[in-house]
C-alpha cells in the first residue's frame, strides 16, 4: 500500500513536471513567434520607408529634370530672340556701309545676288 501511494505520488509529480515542461515549450514557442512577428513588422516598416524614400528621390529627380528642361526651353527662346537682334544689327550695319559710300547702282541678276549676300534673308 505504501509503495502504491508512493508510485501514485511519483506519477502525479511526473505528470506535473510534464505539464510544466509542456507549458515552458509553449511559452517559448509563443515568445519565438512573437519575436518573429515583431521582426517581420520592423523589416516591413523599414522596407516601406526605404520605398517611400526612393519614390521621393525619383520625384525630386523628375522635378529637377522638368525644371532643367523648362530652363533650357526658356533659354532657347531667349537665344532665338538674341540671334534675331544680332541678324538685324548685321543687316543694319551692311545698309549703313552701303549708304555711307554714296550711291551705288547695281541691277540685274548680279545686283540681286549682291543684295542677297549683303542682306541675309531671315525666317522667324
Foldseek 3Di string as FASTA:
>chain_A
DVVVVVVVVVVVVVVVVVVVVVVVVVVVVVVVVVVVVVVVVVVVVVVVVVVVVVVVVVVVVVVVVVVVVVVVVVVVVVVVVVVVVVLVVQLVVLVCVQVVVPDDDDDDPVSVVVNCVRRPDDDD
